[in-house]
C-alpha cells in the first residue's frame, strides 16, 4: 500500500519534476562555473620541533643531572618515569613536555631519591 501511494509510475501517472536528459546537460554546462582551487594550508610536521632549535626544556636539565648521578640509561628512566622509553631522546630533540608529564617526571625523581638515600 505504501509503495503504491508514493510511486506514481505504479499508478500509471506521468512522472512529475522530470526533464529531458539533454536539457539537464545543457543547463549544467551553462550554469556550473569551474570550481576555484583553494590554496592549501601547510600543516605542521609533528616530528619537527615546534620551538626554537636552541630551546631546552628546563626539566631536561634536571633529568640529565639525575641520570648522570645515578648512571641510569635514558631509556630506562623514560620507561620507569612515564612509560615512554624515548622520552629523554625526544626532549633532547626539542619536545616540550606537558605540565602533567613534567609533574610525573619530578614525582618519579623525588620518589627514587627518597628510596635511594
PDB file of N, CA and C in Angstrom:
ATOM      1  N   UNK A   1       0.818  -1.183   0.000  1.00  0.00           N
ATOM      2  CA  UNK A   1       0.000   0.000   0.000  1.00  0.00           C
ATOM      3  C   UNK A   1       0.870   1.257   0.000  1.00  0.00           C
ATOM      4  N   UNK A   2       1.904   1.258   0.794  1.00  0.00           N
ATOM      5  CA  UNK A   2       2.775   2.404   0.889  1.00  0.00           C
ATOM      6  C   UNK A   2       3.510   2.639  -0.432  1.00  0.00           C
ATOM      7  N   UNK A   3       3.916   1.579  -1.077  1.00  0.00           N
ATOM      8  CA  UNK A   3       4.632   1.706  -2.346  1.00  0.00           C
ATOM      9  C   UNK A   3       3.711   2.308  -3.395  1.00  0.00           C
ATOM     10  N   UNK A   4       2.463   1.913  -3.420  1.00  0.00           N
ATOM     11  CA  UNK A   4       1.503   2.389  -4.402  1.00  0.00           C
ATOM     12  C   UNK A   4       1.276   3.892  -4.254  1.00  0.00           C
ATOM     13  N   UNK A   5       1.186   4.387  -3.023  1.00  0.00           N
ATOM     14  CA  UNK A   5       0.922   5.807  -2.814  1.00  0.00           C
ATOM     15  C   UNK A   5       2.123   6.675  -3.196  1.00  0.00           C
ATOM     16  N   UNK A   6       3.319   6.193  -2.930  1.00  0.00           N
ATOM     17  CA  UNK A   6       4.495   7.025  -3.141  1.00  0.00           C
ATOM     18  C   UNK A   6       5.101   6.867  -4.531  1.00  0.00           C
ATOM     19  N   UNK A   7       4.646   5.918  -5.305  1.00  0.00           N
ATOM     20  CA  UNK A   7       5.234   5.678  -6.608  1.00  0.00           C
ATOM     21  C   UNK A   7       4.206   5.979  -7.694  1.00  0.00           C
ATOM     22  N   UNK A   8       4.254   7.164  -8.321  1.00  0.00           N
ATOM     23  CA  UNK A   8       3.249   7.492  -9.337  1.00  0.00           C
ATOM     24  C   UNK A   8       3.356   6.604 -10.572  1.00  0.00           C
ATOM     25  N   UNK A   9       4.556   6.053 -10.852  1.00  0.00           N
ATOM     26  CA  UNK A   9       4.689   5.187 -12.017  1.00  0.00           C
ATOM     27  C   UNK A   9       3.876   3.906 -11.851  1.00  0.00           C
ATOM     28  N   UNK A  10       3.718   3.450 -10.608  1.00  0.00           N
ATOM     29  CA  UNK A  10       2.941   2.228 -10.389  1.00  0.00           C
ATOM     30  C   UNK A  10       1.450   2.461 -10.626  1.00  0.00           C
ATOM     31  N   UNK A  11       1.011   3.721 -10.547  1.00  0.00           N
ATOM     32  CA  UNK A  11      -0.385   4.037 -10.801  1.00  0.00           C
ATOM     33  C   UNK A  11      -0.623   4.434 -12.241  1.00  0.00           C
ATOM     34  N   UNK A  12       0.433   4.498 -13.050  1.00  0.00           N
ATOM     35  CA  UNK A  12       0.284   4.853 -14.451  1.00  0.00           C
ATOM     36  C   UNK A  12       0.271   6.341 -14.688  1.00  0.00           C
ATOM     37  N   UNK A  13       0.582   7.146 -13.714  1.00  0.00           N
ATOM     38  CA  UNK A  13       0.619   8.592 -13.872  1.00  0.00           C
ATOM     39  C   UNK A  13       1.975   9.005 -14.445  1.00  0.00           C
ATOM     40  N   UNK A  14       2.009  10.125 -15.161  1.00  0.00           N
ATOM     41  CA  UNK A  14       3.304  10.592 -15.647  1.00  0.00           C
ATOM     42  C   UNK A  14       4.152  11.100 -14.481  1.00  0.00           C
ATOM     43  N   UNK A  15       5.438  10.946 -14.630  1.00  0.00           N
ATOM     44  CA  UNK A  15       6.333  11.394 -13.562  1.00  0.00           C
ATOM     45  C   UNK A  15       6.432  12.903 -13.564  1.00  0.00           C
ATOM     46  N   UNK A  16       6.332  13.489 -12.408  1.00  0.00           N
ATOM     47  CA  UNK A  16       6.464  14.922 -12.281  1.00  0.00           C
ATOM     48  C   UNK A  16       7.915  15.279 -12.010  1.00  0.00           C
ATOM     49  N   UNK A  17       8.220  16.529 -12.235  1.00  0.00           N
ATOM     50  CA  UNK A  17       9.550  17.086 -11.944  1.00  0.00           C
ATOM     51  C   UNK A  17      10.670  16.416 -12.734  1.00  0.00           C
ATOM     52  N   UNK A  18      10.435  16.017 -13.924  1.00  0.00           N
ATOM     53  CA  UNK A  18      11.496  15.414 -14.740  1.00  0.00           C
ATOM     54  C   UNK A  18      11.742  16.277 -15.970  1.00  0.00           C
ATOM     55  N   UNK A  19      12.954  16.255 -16.453  1.00  0.00           N
ATOM     56  CA  UNK A  19      13.321  16.954 -17.674  1.00  0.00           C
ATOM     57  C   UNK A  19      13.955  15.964 -18.627  1.00  0.00           C
ATOM     58  N   UNK A  20      14.048  16.394 -19.850  1.00  0.00           N
ATOM     59  CA  UNK A  20      14.753  15.555 -20.805  1.00  0.00           C
ATOM     60  C   UNK A  20      16.243  15.612 -20.487  1.00  0.00           C
ATOM     61  N   UNK A  21      16.959  14.580 -20.783  1.00  0.00           N
ATOM     62  CA  UNK A  21      18.372  14.476 -20.426  1.00  0.00           C
ATOM     63  C   UNK A  21      19.200  15.584 -21.071  1.00  0.00           C
ATOM     64  N   UNK A  22      18.908  15.950 -22.309  1.00  0.00           N
ATOM     65  CA  UNK A  22      19.717  16.978 -22.965  1.00  0.00           C
ATOM     66  C   UNK A  22      19.501  18.348 -22.318  1.00  0.00           C
ATOM     67  N   UNK A  23      18.305  18.633 -21.759  1.00  0.00           N
ATOM     68  CA  UNK A  23      18.078  19.891 -21.066  1.00  0.00           C
ATOM     69  C   UNK A  23      18.913  19.974 -19.792  1.00  0.00           C
ATOM     70  N   UNK A  24      18.970  18.876 -19.073  1.00  0.00           N
ATOM     71  CA  UNK A  24      19.751  18.843 -17.834  1.00  0.00           C
ATOM     72  C   UNK A  24      21.227  19.056 -18.146  1.00  0.00           C
ATOM     73  N   UNK A  25      21.721  18.407 -19.209  1.00  0.00           N
ATOM     74  CA  UNK A  25      23.134  18.552 -19.564  1.00  0.00           C
ATOM     75  C   UNK A  25      23.446  19.976 -20.003  1.00  0.00           C
ATOM     76  N   UNK A  26      22.558  20.576 -20.780  1.00  0.00           N
ATOM     77  CA  UNK A  26      22.796  21.933 -21.261  1.00  0.00           C
ATOM     78  C   UNK A  26      22.803  22.921 -20.107  1.00  0.00           C
ATOM     79  N   UNK A  27      21.915  22.745 -19.146  1.00  0.00           N
ATOM     80  CA  UNK A  27      21.890  23.657 -18.005  1.00  0.00           C
ATOM     81  C   UNK A  27      23.125  23.482 -17.133  1.00  0.00           C
ATOM     82  N   UNK A  28      23.544  22.258 -16.913  1.00  0.00           N
ATOM     83  CA  UNK A  28      24.699  22.047 -16.041  1.00  0.00           C
ATOM     84  C   UNK A  28      25.962  22.605 -16.662  1.00  0.00           C
ATOM     85  N   UNK A  29      26.071  22.542 -17.987  1.00  0.00           N
ATOM     86  CA  UNK A  29      27.252  23.083 -18.652  1.00  0.00           C
ATOM     87  C   UNK A  29      27.217  24.602 -18.637  1.00  0.00           C
ATOM     88  N   UNK A  30      26.057  25.174 -18.865  1.00  0.00           N
ATOM     89  CA  UNK A  30      25.963  26.625 -18.961  1.00  0.00           C
ATOM     90  C   UNK A  30      26.036  27.303 -17.601  1.00  0.00           C
ATOM     91  N   UNK A  31      25.506  26.684 -16.553  1.00  0.00           N
ATOM     92  CA  UNK A  31      25.382  27.339 -15.258  1.00  0.00           C
ATOM     93  C   UNK A  31      26.565  27.048 -14.341  1.00  0.00           C
ATOM     94  N   UNK A  32      27.061  25.848 -14.366  1.00  0.00           N
ATOM     95  CA  UNK A  32      28.083  25.443 -13.397  1.00  0.00           C
ATOM     96  C   UNK A  32      29.441  26.037 -13.755  1.00  0.00           C
ATOM     97  N   UNK A  33      29.956  26.979 -12.945  1.00  0.00           N
ATOM     98  CA  UNK A  33      31.291  27.521 -13.214  1.00  0.00           C
ATOM     99  C   UNK A  33      32.363  26.555 -12.725  1.00  0.00           C
ATOM    100  N   UNK A  34      33.554  26.806 -13.188  1.00  0.00           N
ATOM    101  CA  UNK A  34      34.689  25.984 -12.742  1.00  0.00           C
ATOM    102  C   UNK A  34      34.952  26.252 -11.262  1.00  0.00           C
ATOM    103  N   UNK A  35      35.136  25.211 -10.469  1.00  0.00           N
ATOM    104  CA  UNK A  35      35.438  25.449  -9.053  1.00  0.00           C
ATOM    105  C   UNK A  35      36.834  26.058  -8.911  1.00  0.00           C
ATOM    106  N   UNK A  36      36.919  27.037  -8.020  1.00  0.00           N
ATOM    107  CA  UNK A  36      38.206  27.683  -7.794  1.00  0.00           C
ATOM    108  C   UNK A  36      39.065  26.812  -6.889  1.00  0.00           C
ATOM    109  N   UNK A  37      40.320  26.728  -7.208  1.00  0.00           N
ATOM    110  CA  UNK A  37      41.241  25.940  -6.393  1.00  0.00           C
ATOM    111  C   UNK A  37      41.570  26.713  -5.133  1.00  0.00           C
ATOM    112  N   UNK A  38      41.352  26.090  -3.997  1.00  0.00           N
ATOM    113  CA  UNK A  38      41.661  26.730  -2.722  1.00  0.00           C
ATOM    114  C   UNK A  38      43.137  26.503  -2.404  1.00  0.00           C
ATOM    115  N   UNK A  39      43.799  27.529  -1.921  1.00  0.00           N
ATOM    116  CA  UNK A  39      45.197  27.309  -1.536  1.00  0.00           C
ATOM    117  C   UNK A  39      45.264  26.393  -0.315  1.00  0.00           C
ATOM    118  N   UNK A  40      46.184  25.469  -0.345  1.00  0.00           N
ATOM    119  CA  UNK A  40      46.319  24.515   0.753  1.00  0.00           C
ATOM    120  C   UNK A  40      47.173  25.128   1.849  1.00  0.00           C
ATOM    121  N   UNK A  41      46.688  24.974   3.067  1.00  0.00           N
ATOM    122  CA  UNK A  41      47.467  25.440   4.210  1.00  0.00           C
ATOM    123  C   UNK A  41      48.456  24.355   4.600  1.00  0.00           C
ATOM    124  N   UNK A  42      49.646  24.766   4.864  1.00  0.00           N
ATOM    125  CA  UNK A  42      50.669  23.806   5.276  1.00  0.00           C
ATOM    126  C   UNK A  42      50.394  23.376   6.712  1.00  0.00           C
ATOM    127  N   UNK A  43      50.388  22.087   6.928  1.00  0.00           N
ATOM    128  CA  UNK A  43      50.207  21.548   8.276  1.00  0.00           C
ATOM    129  C   UNK A  43      51.567  21.417   8.945  1.00  0.00           C
ATOM    130  N   UNK A  44      51.640  21.672  10.225  1.00  0.00           N
ATOM    131  CA  UNK A  44      52.931  21.493  10.892  1.00  0.00           C
ATOM    132  C   UNK A  44      53.281  20.013  10.972  1.00  0.00           C
ATOM    133  N   UNK A  45      54.532  19.729  10.783  1.00  0.00           N
ATOM    134  CA  UNK A  45      55.008  18.358  10.853  1.00  0.00           C
ATOM    135  C   UNK A  45      55.183  17.985  12.325  1.00  0.00           C
ATOM    136  N   UNK A  46      54.468  16.917  12.809  1.00  0.00           N
ATOM    137  CA  UNK A  46      54.579  16.583  14.226  1.00  0.00           C
ATOM    138  C   UNK A  46      55.966  16.098  14.635  1.00  0.00           C
ATOM    139  N   UNK A  47      56.734  15.587  13.685  1.00  0.00           N
ATOM    140  CA  UNK A  47      58.068  15.099  14.027  1.00  0.00           C
ATOM    141  C   UNK A  47      59.059  16.253  14.178  1.00  0.00           C
ATOM    142  N   UNK A  48      58.754  17.389  13.589  1.00  0.00           N
ATOM    143  CA  UNK A  48      59.649  18.528  13.663  1.00  0.00           C
ATOM    144  C   UNK A  48      59.374  19.316  14.935  1.00  0.00           C
ATOM    145  N   UNK A  49      60.399  19.733  15.655  1.00  0.00           N
ATOM    146  CA  UNK A  49      60.154  20.526  16.858  1.00  0.00           C
ATOM    147  C   UNK A  49      59.487  21.853  16.501  1.00  0.00           C
ATOM    148  N   UNK A  50      58.528  22.258  17.327  1.00  0.00           N
ATOM    149  CA  UNK A  50      57.789  23.477  17.050  1.00  0.00           C
ATOM    150  C   UNK A  50      58.455  24.693  17.682  1.00  0.00           C
ATOM    151  N   UNK A  51      59.403  24.489  18.539  1.00  0.00           N
ATOM    152  CA  UNK A  51      60.073  25.596  19.221  1.00  0.00           C
ATOM    153  C   UNK A  51      61.395  25.920  18.546  1.00  0.00           C
ATOM    154  N   UNK A  52      62.043  26.905  19.118  1.00  0.00           N
ATOM    155  CA  UNK A  52      63.362  27.306  18.670  1.00  0.00           C
ATOM    156  C   UNK A  52      64.316  26.123  18.827  1.00  0.00           C
ATOM    157  N   UNK A  53      65.180  25.876  17.851  1.00  0.00           N
ATOM    158  CA  UNK A  53      66.089  24.726  17.973  1.00  0.00           C
ATOM    159  C   UNK A  53      67.030  24.815  19.167  1.00  0.00           C
ATOM    160  N   UNK A  54      67.255  26.013  19.679  1.00  0.00           N
ATOM    161  CA  UNK A  54      68.127  26.163  20.838  1.00  0.00           C
ATOM    162  C   UNK A  54      67.381  26.022  22.156  1.00  0.00           C
ATOM    163  N   UNK A  55      66.060  25.800  22.089  1.00  0.00           N
ATOM    164  CA  UNK A  55      65.259  25.672  23.303  1.00  0.00           C
ATOM    165  C   UNK A  55      65.574  24.359  24.012  1.00  0.00           C
ATOM    166  N   UNK A  56      65.776  24.442  25.316  1.00  0.00           N
ATOM    167  CA  UNK A  56      65.994  23.251  26.139  1.00  0.00           C
ATOM    168  C   UNK A  56      64.949  23.287  27.240  1.00  0.00           C
ATOM    169  N   UNK A  57      64.164  22.234  27.333  1.00  0.00           N
ATOM    170  CA  UNK A  57      63.147  22.167  28.373  1.00  0.00           C
ATOM    171  C   UNK A  57      63.849  22.177  29.729  1.00  0.00           C
ATOM    172  N   UNK A  58      63.386  22.989  30.662  1.00  0.00           N
ATOM    173  CA  UNK A  58      64.055  23.051  31.966  1.00  0.00           C
ATOM    174  C   UNK A  58      64.102  21.712  32.679  1.00  0.00           C
ATOM    175  N   UNK A  59      63.076  20.907  32.472  1.00  0.00           N
ATOM    176  CA  UNK A  59      63.069  19.596  33.123  1.00  0.00           C
ATOM    177  C   UNK A  59      64.153  18.691  32.540  1.00  0.00           C
ATOM    178  N   UNK A  60      64.544  18.928  31.297  1.00  0.00           N
ATOM    179  CA  UNK A  60      65.591  18.107  30.683  1.00  0.00           C
ATOM    180  C   UNK A  60      66.917  18.269  31.416  1.00  0.00           C
ATOM    181  N   UNK A  61      67.220  19.483  31.850  1.00  0.00           N
ATOM    182  CA  UNK A  61      68.462  19.699  32.594  1.00  0.00           C
ATOM    183  C   UNK A  61      68.453  18.914  33.904  1.00  0.00           C
ATOM    184  N   UNK A  62      67.297  18.914  34.565  1.00  0.00           N
ATOM    185  CA  UNK A  62      67.175  18.132  35.804  1.00  0.00           C
ATOM    186  C   UNK A  62      67.333  16.645  35.527  1.00  0.00           C
ATOM    187  N   UNK A  63      66.728  16.178  34.448  1.00  0.00           N
ATOM    188  CA  UNK A  63      66.806  14.747  34.097  1.00  0.00           C
ATOM    189  C   UNK A  63      68.241  14.365  33.791  1.00  0.00           C
ATOM    190  N   UNK A  64      68.926  15.201  33.000  1.00  0.00           N
ATOM    191  CA  UNK A  64      70.311  14.889  32.626  1.00  0.00           C
ATOM    192  C   UNK A  64      71.192  14.766  33.868  1.00  0.00           C
ATOM    193  N   UNK A  65      71.052  15.706  34.809  1.00  0.00           N
ATOM    194  CA  UNK A  65      71.839  15.629  36.044  1.00  0.00           C
ATOM    195  C   UNK A  65      71.480  14.374  36.837  1.00  0.00           C
ATOM    196  N   UNK A  66      70.185  14.074  36.912  1.00  0.00           N
ATOM    197  CA  UNK A  66      69.710  12.942  37.712  1.00  0.00           C
ATOM    198  C   UNK A  66      70.218  11.614  37.156  1.00  0.00           C
ATOM    199  N   UNK A  67      70.083  11.414  35.834  1.00  0.00           N
ATOM    200  CA  UNK A  67      70.519  10.117  35.273  1.00  0.00           C
ATOM    201  C   UNK A  67      72.043  10.001  35.259  1.00  0.00           C
ATOM    202  N   UNK A  68      72.747  11.133  35.155  1.00  0.00           N
ATOM    203  CA  UNK A  68      74.205  11.078  35.205  1.00  0.00           C
ATOM    204  C   UNK A  68      74.676  10.710  36.611  1.00  0.00           C
ATOM    205  N   UNK A  69      74.021  11.264  37.641  1.00  0.00           N
ATOM    206  CA  UNK A  69      74.416  10.976  39.019  1.00  0.00           C
ATOM    207  C   UNK A  69      74.154   9.525  39.396  1.00  0.00           C
ATOM    208  N   UNK A  70      73.138   8.925  38.819  1.00  0.00           N
ATOM    209  CA  UNK A  70      72.782   7.545  39.171  1.00  0.00           C
ATOM    210  C   UNK A  70      73.258   6.510  38.157  1.00  0.00           C
ATOM    211  N   UNK A  71      73.754   6.961  37.012  1.00  0.00           N
ATOM    212  CA  UNK A  71      74.238   6.029  35.996  1.00  0.00           C
ATOM    213  C   UNK A  71      73.118   5.246  35.328  1.00  0.00           C
ATOM    214  N   UNK A  72      71.928   5.808  35.287  1.00  0.00           N
ATOM    215  CA  UNK A  72      70.776   5.132  34.688  1.00  0.00           C
ATOM    216  C   UNK A  72      70.704   5.467  33.197  1.00  0.00           C
ATOM    217  N   UNK A  73      70.452   4.471  32.348  1.00  0.00           N
ATOM    218  CA  UNK A  73      70.294   4.771  30.918  1.00  0.00           C
ATOM    219  C   UNK A  73      69.033   5.612  30.671  1.00  0.00           C
ATOM    220  N   UNK A  74      69.059   6.474  29.664  1.00  0.00           N
ATOM    221  CA  UNK A  74      67.913   7.340  29.387  1.00  0.00           C
ATOM    222  C   UNK A  74      66.632   6.563  29.055  1.00  0.00           C
ATOM    223  N   UNK A  75      66.780   5.427  28.372  1.00  0.00           N
ATOM    224  CA  UNK A  75      65.582   4.655  28.028  1.00  0.00           C
ATOM    225  C   UNK A  75      64.922   4.084  29.274  1.00  0.00           C
ATOM    226  N   UNK A  76      65.730   3.619  30.216  1.00  0.00           N
ATOM    227  CA  UNK A  76      65.161   3.069  31.447  1.00  0.00           C
ATOM    228  C   UNK A  76      64.478   4.175  32.259  1.00  0.00           C
ATOM    229  N   UNK A  77      65.095   5.361  32.287  1.00  0.00           N
ATOM    230  CA  UNK A  77      64.492   6.475  33.012  1.00  0.00           C
ATOM    231  C   UNK A  77      63.121   6.814  32.427  1.00  0.00           C
ATOM    232  N   UNK A  78      63.045   6.952  31.113  1.00  0.00           N
ATOM    233  CA  UNK A  78      61.779   7.295  30.469  1.00  0.00           C
ATOM    234  C   UNK A  78      60.717   6.236  30.687  1.00  0.00           C
ATOM    235  N   UNK A  79      61.121   4.968  30.604  1.00  0.00           N
ATOM    236  CA  UNK A  79      60.167   3.868  30.779  1.00  0.00           C
ATOM    237  C   UNK A  79      59.644   3.825  32.213  1.00  0.00           C
ATOM    238  N   UNK A  80      60.529   4.011  33.186  1.00  0.00           N
ATOM    239  CA  UNK A  80      60.104   3.920  34.587  1.00  0.00           C
ATOM    240  C   UNK A  80      59.363   5.168  35.060  1.00  0.00           C
ATOM    241  N   UNK A  81      59.681   6.324  34.497  1.00  0.00           N
ATOM    242  CA  UNK A  81      59.039   7.550  34.984  1.00  0.00           C
ATOM    243  C   UNK A  81      57.667   7.786  34.356  1.00  0.00           C
ATOM    244  N   UNK A  82      57.559   7.703  33.045  1.00  0.00           N
ATOM    245  CA  UNK A  82      56.273   7.978  32.394  1.00  0.00           C
ATOM    246  C   UNK A  82      55.830   6.880  31.431  1.00  0.00           C
ATOM    247  N   UNK A  83      56.604   5.824  31.318  1.00  0.00           N
ATOM    248  CA  UNK A  83      56.223   4.724  30.432  1.00  0.00           C
ATOM    249  C   UNK A  83      56.589   4.949  28.973  1.00  0.00           C
ATOM    250  N   UNK A  84      57.488   5.899  28.710  1.00  0.00           N
ATOM    251  CA  UNK A  84      57.903   6.206  27.339  1.00  0.00           C
ATOM    252  C   UNK A  84      59.420   6.092  27.249  1.00  0.00           C
ATOM    253  N   UNK A  85      59.934   5.015  26.655  1.00  0.00           N
ATOM    254  CA  UNK A  85      61.385   4.848  26.599  1.00  0.00           C
ATOM    255  C   UNK A  85      62.091   5.913  25.748  1.00  0.00           C
ATOM    256  N   UNK A  86      61.384   6.592  24.869  1.00  0.00           N
ATOM    257  CA  UNK A  86      62.016   7.606  24.028  1.00  0.00           C
ATOM    258  C   UNK A  86      61.874   9.013  24.604  1.00  0.00           C
ATOM    259  N   UNK A  87      61.418   9.126  25.829  1.00  0.00           N
ATOM    260  CA  UNK A  87      61.167  10.429  26.443  1.00  0.00           C
ATOM    261  C   UNK A  87      62.397  11.328  26.426  1.00  0.00           C
ATOM    262  N   UNK A  88      63.504  10.852  26.924  1.00  0.00           N
ATOM    263  CA  UNK A  88      64.708  11.693  27.039  1.00  0.00           C
ATOM    264  C   UNK A  88      65.219  12.069  25.649  1.00  0.00           C
ATOM    265  N   UNK A  89      65.184  11.129  24.722  1.00  0.00           N
ATOM    266  CA  UNK A  89      65.657  11.423  23.365  1.00  0.00           C
ATOM    267  C   UNK A  89      64.753  12.461  22.689  1.00  0.00           C
ATOM    268  N   UNK A  90      63.442  12.347  22.913  1.00  0.00           N
ATOM    269  CA  UNK A  90      62.513  13.336  22.356  1.00  0.00           C
ATOM    270  C   UNK A  90      62.717  14.711  22.986  1.00  0.00           C
ATOM    271  N   UNK A  91      62.976  14.740  24.297  1.00  0.00           N
ATOM    272  CA  UNK A  91      63.248  16.022  24.961  1.00  0.00           C
ATOM    273  C   UNK A  91      64.524  16.648  24.419  1.00  0.00           C
ATOM    274  N   UNK A  92      65.506  15.827  24.168  1.00  0.00           N
ATOM    275  CA  UNK A  92      66.763  16.335  23.610  1.00  0.00           C
ATOM    276  C   UNK A  92      66.571  16.890  22.196  1.00  0.00           C
ATOM    277  N   UNK A  93      65.630  16.315  21.449  1.00  0.00           N
ATOM    278  CA  UNK A  93      65.405  16.782  20.075  1.00  0.00           C
ATOM    279  C   UNK A  93      64.405  17.923  19.990  1.00  0.00           C
ATOM    280  N   UNK A  94      63.882  18.397  21.132  1.00  0.00           N
ATOM    281  CA  UNK A  94      63.038  19.577  21.108  1.00  0.00           C
ATOM    282  C   UNK A  94      61.620  19.393  21.595  1.00  0.00           C
ATOM    283  N   UNK A  95      61.265  18.222  22.069  1.00  0.00           N
ATOM    284  CA  UNK A  95      59.907  18.014  22.570  1.00  0.00           C
ATOM    285  C   UNK A  95      59.677  18.863  23.817  1.00  0.00           C
ATOM    286  N   UNK A  96      58.517  19.488  23.893  1.00  0.00           N
ATOM    287  CA  UNK A  96      58.162  20.302  25.048  1.00  0.00           C
ATOM    288  C   UNK A  96      57.137  19.512  25.862  1.00  0.00           C
ATOM    289  N   UNK A  97      57.518  18.991  27.021  1.00  0.00           N
ATOM    290  CA  UNK A  97      56.582  18.146  27.765  1.00  0.00           C
ATOM    291  C   UNK A  97      55.446  18.956  28.371  1.00  0.00           C
ATOM    292  N   UNK A  98      54.301  18.311  28.516  1.00  0.00           N
ATOM    293  CA  UNK A  98      53.160  18.975  29.159  1.00  0.00           C
ATOM    294  C   UNK A  98      53.415  19.071  30.659  1.00  0.00           C
ATOM    295  N   UNK A  99      52.596  19.841  31.317  1.00  0.00           N
ATOM    296  CA  UNK A  99      52.766  20.002  32.760  1.00  0.00           C
ATOM    297  C   UNK A  99      52.492  18.694  33.491  1.00  0.00           C
ATOM    298  N   UNK A 100      51.603  17.871  32.946  1.00  0.00           N
ATOM    299  CA  UNK A 100      51.306  16.574  33.554  1.00  0.00           C
ATOM    300  C   UNK A 100      52.527  15.659  33.498  1.00  0.00           C
ATOM    301  N   UNK A 101      53.163  15.611  32.333  1.00  0.00           N
ATOM    302  CA  UNK A 101      54.355  14.767  32.162  1.00  0.00           C
ATOM    303  C   UNK A 101      55.481  15.277  33.048  1.00  0.00           C
ATOM    304  N   UNK A 102      55.655  16.589  33.100  1.00  0.00           N
ATOM    305  CA  UNK A 102      56.698  17.167  33.950  1.00  0.00           C
ATOM    306  C   UNK A 102      56.464  16.818  35.411  1.00  0.00           C
ATOM    307  N   UNK A 103      55.216  16.879  35.847  1.00  0.00           N
ATOM    308  CA  UNK A 103      54.897  16.525  37.239  1.00  0.00           C
ATOM    309  C   UNK A 103      55.198  15.055  37.507  1.00  0.00           C
ATOM    310  N   UNK A 104      54.878  14.179  36.556  1.00  0.00           N
ATOM    311  CA  UNK A 104      55.167  12.751  36.734  1.00  0.00           C
ATOM    312  C   UNK A 104      56.662  12.493  36.797  1.00  0.00           C
ATOM    313  N   UNK A 105      57.421  13.194  35.961  1.00  0.00           N
ATOM    314  CA  UNK A 105      58.882  13.030  35.958  1.00  0.00           C
ATOM    315  C   UNK A 105      59.460  13.469  37.303  1.00  0.00           C
ATOM    316  N   UNK A 106      59.048  14.645  37.768  1.00  0.00           N
ATOM    317  CA  UNK A 106      59.583  15.155  39.037  1.00  0.00           C
ATOM    318  C   UNK A 106      59.157  14.289  40.216  1.00  0.00           C
ATOM    319  N   UNK A 107      57.934  13.764  40.186  1.00  0.00           N
ATOM    320  CA  UNK A 107      57.485  12.871  41.255  1.00  0.00           C
ATOM    321  C   UNK A 107      58.310  11.587  41.256  1.00  0.00           C
ATOM    322  N   UNK A 108      58.622  11.075  40.073  1.00  0.00           N
ATOM    323  CA  UNK A 108      59.451   9.879  39.987  1.00  0.00           C
ATOM    324  C   UNK A 108      60.842  10.147  40.553  1.00  0.00           C
ATOM    325  N   UNK A 109      61.443  11.278  40.155  1.00  0.00           N
ATOM    326  CA  UNK A 109      62.784  11.595  40.635  1.00  0.00           C
ATOM    327  C   UNK A 109      62.790  11.803  42.144  1.00  0.00           C
ATOM    328  N   UNK A 110      61.768  12.477  42.688  1.00  0.00           N
ATOM    329  CA  UNK A 110      61.686  12.678  44.129  1.00  0.00           C
ATOM    330  C   UNK A 110      61.480  11.350  44.859  1.00  0.00           C
ATOM    331  N   UNK A 111      60.644  10.486  44.305  1.00  0.00           N
ATOM    332  CA  UNK A 111      60.385   9.188  44.935  1.00  0.00           C
ATOM    333  C   UNK A 111      61.601   8.289  44.927  1.00  0.00           C
ATOM    334  N   UNK A 112      62.316   8.284  43.809  1.00  0.00           N
ATOM    335  CA  UNK A 112      63.518   7.459  43.709  1.00  0.00           C
ATOM    336  C   UNK A 112      64.628   8.010  44.604  1.00  0.00           C
ATOM    337  N   UNK A 113      64.703   9.312  44.741  1.00  0.00           N
ATOM    338  CA  UNK A 113      65.714   9.914  45.603  1.00  0.00           C
ATOM    339  C   UNK A 113      65.439   9.558  47.060  1.00  0.00           C
ATOM    340  N   UNK A 114      64.166   9.583  47.453  1.00  0.00           N
ATOM    341  CA  UNK A 114      63.804   9.262  48.834  1.00  0.00           C
ATOM    342  C   UNK A 114      64.091   7.804  49.128  1.00  0.00           C
ATOM    343  N   UNK A 115      63.836   6.927  48.157  1.00  0.00           N
ATOM    344  CA  UNK A 115      64.098   5.482  48.364  1.00  0.00           C
ATOM    345  C   UNK A 115      65.573   5.151  48.298  1.00  0.00           C
ATOM    346  N   UNK A 116      66.291   5.872  47.422  1.00  0.00           N
ATOM    347  CA  UNK A 116      67.713   5.571  47.202  1.00  0.00           C
ATOM    348  C   UNK A 116      68.609   6.048  48.322  1.00  0.00           C
ATOM    349  N   UNK A 117      68.210   7.103  49.023  1.00  0.00           N
ATOM    350  CA  UNK A 117      69.112   7.648  50.061  1.00  0.00           C
ATOM    351  C   UNK A 117      68.733   7.196  51.435  1.00  0.00           C
TER     352      UNK A 117
END
